[in-house]
Every structure is written in C-alpha cells, then in structure tokens.
Amino acid sequence: MSDAYADILNLPRPEPARHKRMPAENRAAQFMPFAALTGYEDAIGKTAEEVRERAELEGDLFAEEGKIYD
C-alpha cells in the first residue's frame, strides 16, 4: 500500500456533530427490495386463471367432438 495514506489509515471514523449515527438495521432498510411493479403478481395470477379456464372449456369442446389431442 502507498505511504500517501499512512497518516490516516488508523484514525477513528468521524462521528456526526449534529445527530446520532443511524443504526445499521435502519440504513439497510433504505436499500431493501421494493415492489416496483405493484399489482404485477395479481395480474399474472388473473391471466393464468383465465388461461386455465379457457383450456378447460376448450378441452370439453374437443372431448365432445372426439378431437382430444395429446
């Protein structure tokens, strides 16, 4: 390592003068994941349910006509 920073390497970390330092848990919460696509999971679930229902209806129609495909 360079000697350019030797004088400050072992100094204590500076403390804020006007307020207490924020606890680590609170600092970490600022960077936690968030739901950027609010409602996306619900929309996907609704679409999946509609597709299932349609597949069931079409499956019934194919069975009635004797056109069951594997």
N, C-alpha and C. Protein backbone atom coordinates (compact mmCIF):
# COMPACT_ATOMS: atom_id res chain seq x y z
N MET A 1 0.85 -1.19 0.00
CA MET A 1 0.00 0.00 0.00
C MET A 1 0.88 1.24 0.00
N SER A 2 0.35 2.27 -0.53
CA SER A 2 1.09 3.52 -0.66
C SER A 2 1.24 4.20 0.70
N ASP A 3 2.33 4.90 0.88
CA ASP A 3 2.55 5.65 2.11
C ASP A 3 1.77 6.96 2.12
N ALA A 4 1.08 7.28 1.03
CA ALA A 4 0.36 8.54 0.94
C ALA A 4 -0.76 8.62 1.97
N TYR A 5 -1.31 7.46 2.38
CA TYR A 5 -2.44 7.47 3.32
C TYR A 5 -2.06 6.89 4.68
N ALA A 6 -0.82 6.66 4.91
CA ALA A 6 -0.37 6.05 6.16
C ALA A 6 -0.79 6.86 7.38
N ASP A 7 -0.86 8.17 7.26
CA ASP A 7 -1.19 9.01 8.40
C ASP A 7 -2.66 8.95 8.79
N ILE A 8 -3.54 8.50 7.90
CA ILE A 8 -4.97 8.47 8.22
C ILE A 8 -5.55 7.06 8.30
N LEU A 9 -4.78 6.04 7.98
CA LEU A 9 -5.29 4.68 7.95
C LEU A 9 -5.87 4.21 9.29
N ASN A 10 -5.28 4.54 10.37
CA ASN A 10 -5.71 4.03 11.68
C ASN A 10 -6.48 5.04 12.52
N LEU A 11 -6.93 6.11 11.89
CA LEU A 11 -7.72 7.10 12.63
C LEU A 11 -9.13 6.57 12.87
N PRO A 12 -9.78 6.98 13.96
CA PRO A 12 -11.16 6.54 14.19
C PRO A 12 -12.11 7.20 13.18
N ARG A 13 -13.20 6.55 12.94
CA ARG A 13 -14.18 7.07 11.99
C ARG A 13 -14.80 8.34 12.58
N PRO A 14 -14.97 9.40 11.80
CA PRO A 14 -15.57 10.63 12.33
C PRO A 14 -17.04 10.43 12.68
N GLU A 15 -17.49 11.02 13.76
CA GLU A 15 -18.88 10.95 14.20
C GLU A 15 -19.59 12.25 13.83
N PRO A 16 -20.87 12.16 13.45
CA PRO A 16 -21.62 13.38 13.12
C PRO A 16 -21.73 14.29 14.35
N ALA A 17 -21.64 15.58 14.14
CA ALA A 17 -21.68 16.54 15.25
C ALA A 17 -23.12 16.87 15.66
N ARG A 18 -24.07 16.88 14.71
CA ARG A 18 -25.42 17.36 15.00
C ARG A 18 -26.44 16.26 15.31
N HIS A 19 -26.16 15.03 14.99
CA HIS A 19 -27.15 13.97 15.21
C HIS A 19 -26.45 12.64 15.45
N LYS A 20 -27.21 11.69 15.99
CA LYS A 20 -26.66 10.36 16.22
C LYS A 20 -26.52 9.62 14.91
N ARG A 21 -25.61 8.69 14.88
CA ARG A 21 -25.43 7.85 13.71
C ARG A 21 -26.62 6.89 13.59
N MET A 22 -27.11 6.69 12.37
CA MET A 22 -28.25 5.80 12.13
C MET A 22 -27.83 4.35 12.37
N PRO A 23 -28.68 3.57 13.08
CA PRO A 23 -28.35 2.15 13.29
C PRO A 23 -28.24 1.40 11.96
N ALA A 24 -27.45 0.36 11.94
CA ALA A 24 -27.21 -0.41 10.73
C ALA A 24 -28.50 -1.00 10.16
N GLU A 25 -29.43 -1.44 11.03
CA GLU A 25 -30.69 -2.01 10.55
C GLU A 25 -31.49 -0.98 9.74
N ASN A 26 -31.51 0.25 10.21
CA ASN A 26 -32.25 1.30 9.51
C ASN A 26 -31.57 1.69 8.21
N ARG A 27 -30.25 1.71 8.21
CA ARG A 27 -29.54 2.02 6.97
C ARG A 27 -29.79 0.94 5.94
N ALA A 28 -29.77 -0.31 6.38
CA ALA A 28 -30.00 -1.42 5.45
C ALA A 28 -31.41 -1.37 4.88
N ALA A 29 -32.39 -0.94 5.66
CA ALA A 29 -33.78 -0.88 5.21
C ALA A 29 -33.94 0.09 4.04
N GLN A 30 -33.09 1.07 3.94
CA GLN A 30 -33.17 2.02 2.83
C GLN A 30 -32.91 1.35 1.49
N PHE A 31 -32.20 0.24 1.52
CA PHE A 31 -31.80 -0.42 0.28
C PHE A 31 -32.51 -1.75 0.05
N MET A 32 -33.52 -2.05 0.87
CA MET A 32 -34.25 -3.31 0.71
C MET A 32 -35.07 -3.29 -0.58
N PRO A 33 -35.33 -4.46 -1.14
CA PRO A 33 -36.13 -4.51 -2.37
C PRO A 33 -37.54 -3.94 -2.14
N PHE A 34 -38.12 -3.44 -3.17
CA PHE A 34 -39.47 -2.91 -3.08
C PHE A 34 -40.26 -3.41 -4.27
N ALA A 35 -41.55 -3.31 -4.22
CA ALA A 35 -42.41 -3.79 -5.30
C ALA A 35 -42.51 -2.72 -6.38
N ALA A 36 -41.59 -2.75 -7.30
CA ALA A 36 -41.57 -1.75 -8.37
C ALA A 36 -42.78 -1.92 -9.28
N LEU A 37 -43.22 -3.15 -9.44
CA LEU A 37 -44.36 -3.43 -10.30
C LEU A 37 -45.55 -3.82 -9.42
N THR A 38 -46.09 -2.87 -8.71
CA THR A 38 -47.22 -3.13 -7.83
C THR A 38 -48.39 -3.68 -8.63
N GLY A 39 -48.91 -4.82 -8.17
CA GLY A 39 -50.05 -5.43 -8.83
C GLY A 39 -49.66 -6.41 -9.93
N TYR A 40 -48.39 -6.52 -10.23
CA TYR A 40 -47.93 -7.39 -11.32
C TYR A 40 -48.27 -8.85 -11.03
N GLU A 41 -47.97 -9.30 -9.81
CA GLU A 41 -48.25 -10.70 -9.43
C GLU A 41 -49.74 -11.00 -9.54
N ASP A 42 -50.59 -10.07 -9.12
CA ASP A 42 -52.04 -10.27 -9.22
C ASP A 42 -52.48 -10.37 -10.68
N ALA A 43 -51.93 -9.52 -11.52
CA ALA A 43 -52.28 -9.54 -12.95
C ALA A 43 -51.85 -10.85 -13.60
N ILE A 44 -50.68 -11.33 -13.26
CA ILE A 44 -50.20 -12.60 -13.81
C ILE A 44 -51.08 -13.74 -13.32
N GLY A 45 -51.44 -13.72 -12.04
CA GLY A 45 -52.31 -14.76 -11.49
C GLY A 45 -53.68 -14.78 -12.16
N LYS A 46 -54.23 -13.59 -12.39
CA LYS A 46 -55.54 -13.49 -13.04
C LYS A 46 -55.47 -14.03 -14.47
N THR A 47 -54.42 -13.66 -15.19
CA THR A 47 -54.25 -14.14 -16.56
C THR A 47 -54.09 -15.66 -16.58
N ALA A 48 -53.32 -16.20 -15.66
CA ALA A 48 -53.12 -17.65 -15.59
C ALA A 48 -54.44 -18.36 -15.33
N GLU A 49 -55.25 -17.81 -14.44
CA GLU A 49 -56.56 -18.40 -14.14
C GLU A 49 -57.45 -18.37 -15.38
N GLU A 50 -57.45 -17.25 -16.10
CA GLU A 50 -58.26 -17.15 -17.32
C GLU A 50 -57.81 -18.17 -18.37
N VAL A 51 -56.51 -18.36 -18.49
CA VAL A 51 -55.97 -19.33 -19.46
C VAL A 51 -56.39 -20.74 -19.05
N ARG A 52 -56.30 -21.05 -17.74
CA ARG A 52 -56.72 -22.37 -17.26
C ARG A 52 -58.20 -22.62 -17.56
N GLU A 53 -59.03 -21.62 -17.27
CA GLU A 53 -60.47 -21.77 -17.51
C GLU A 53 -60.75 -21.97 -19.00
N ARG A 54 -60.07 -21.21 -19.83
CA ARG A 54 -60.27 -21.34 -21.28
C ARG A 54 -59.82 -22.71 -21.77
N ALA A 55 -58.70 -23.19 -21.25
CA ALA A 55 -58.19 -24.51 -21.63
C ALA A 55 -59.17 -25.59 -21.22
N GLU A 56 -59.78 -25.45 -20.05
CA GLU A 56 -60.77 -26.42 -19.60
C GLU A 56 -61.99 -26.41 -20.53
N LEU A 57 -62.45 -25.21 -20.88
CA LEU A 57 -63.61 -25.11 -21.78
C LEU A 57 -63.30 -25.71 -23.14
N GLU A 58 -62.16 -25.37 -23.68
CA GLU A 58 -61.78 -25.90 -24.99
C GLU A 58 -61.55 -27.40 -24.92
N GLY A 59 -61.03 -27.87 -23.81
CA GLY A 59 -60.84 -29.30 -23.63
C GLY A 59 -62.17 -30.02 -23.65
N ASP A 60 -63.18 -29.42 -23.01
CA ASP A 60 -64.52 -30.01 -23.02
C ASP A 60 -65.09 -30.03 -24.43
N LEU A 61 -64.87 -28.96 -25.19
CA LEU A 61 -65.37 -28.89 -26.56
C LEU A 61 -64.71 -29.97 -27.43
N PHE A 62 -63.38 -30.13 -27.28
CA PHE A 62 -62.68 -31.14 -28.05
C PHE A 62 -63.17 -32.53 -27.68
N ALA A 63 -63.42 -32.77 -26.40
CA ALA A 63 -63.89 -34.09 -25.96
C ALA A 63 -65.27 -34.38 -26.57
N GLU A 64 -66.13 -33.36 -26.64
CA GLU A 64 -67.46 -33.54 -27.21
C GLU A 64 -67.38 -33.89 -28.68
N GLU A 65 -66.42 -33.31 -29.38
CA GLU A 65 -66.30 -33.54 -30.81
C GLU A 65 -65.41 -34.73 -31.13
N GLY A 66 -64.86 -35.38 -30.11
CA GLY A 66 -63.97 -36.51 -30.34
C GLY A 66 -62.61 -36.08 -30.86
N LYS A 67 -62.19 -34.86 -30.56
CA LYS A 67 -60.92 -34.33 -31.07
C LYS A 67 -59.91 -34.13 -29.93
N ILE A 68 -59.76 -35.11 -29.10
CA ILE A 68 -58.83 -34.97 -27.97
C ILE A 68 -57.41 -35.14 -28.49
N TYR A 69 -56.56 -34.15 -28.20
CA TYR A 69 -55.16 -34.18 -28.64
C TYR A 69 -54.26 -34.38 -27.44
N ASP A 70 -53.24 -35.18 -27.59
CA ASP A 70 -52.27 -35.39 -26.51
C ASP A 70 -51.10 -34.50 -26.70
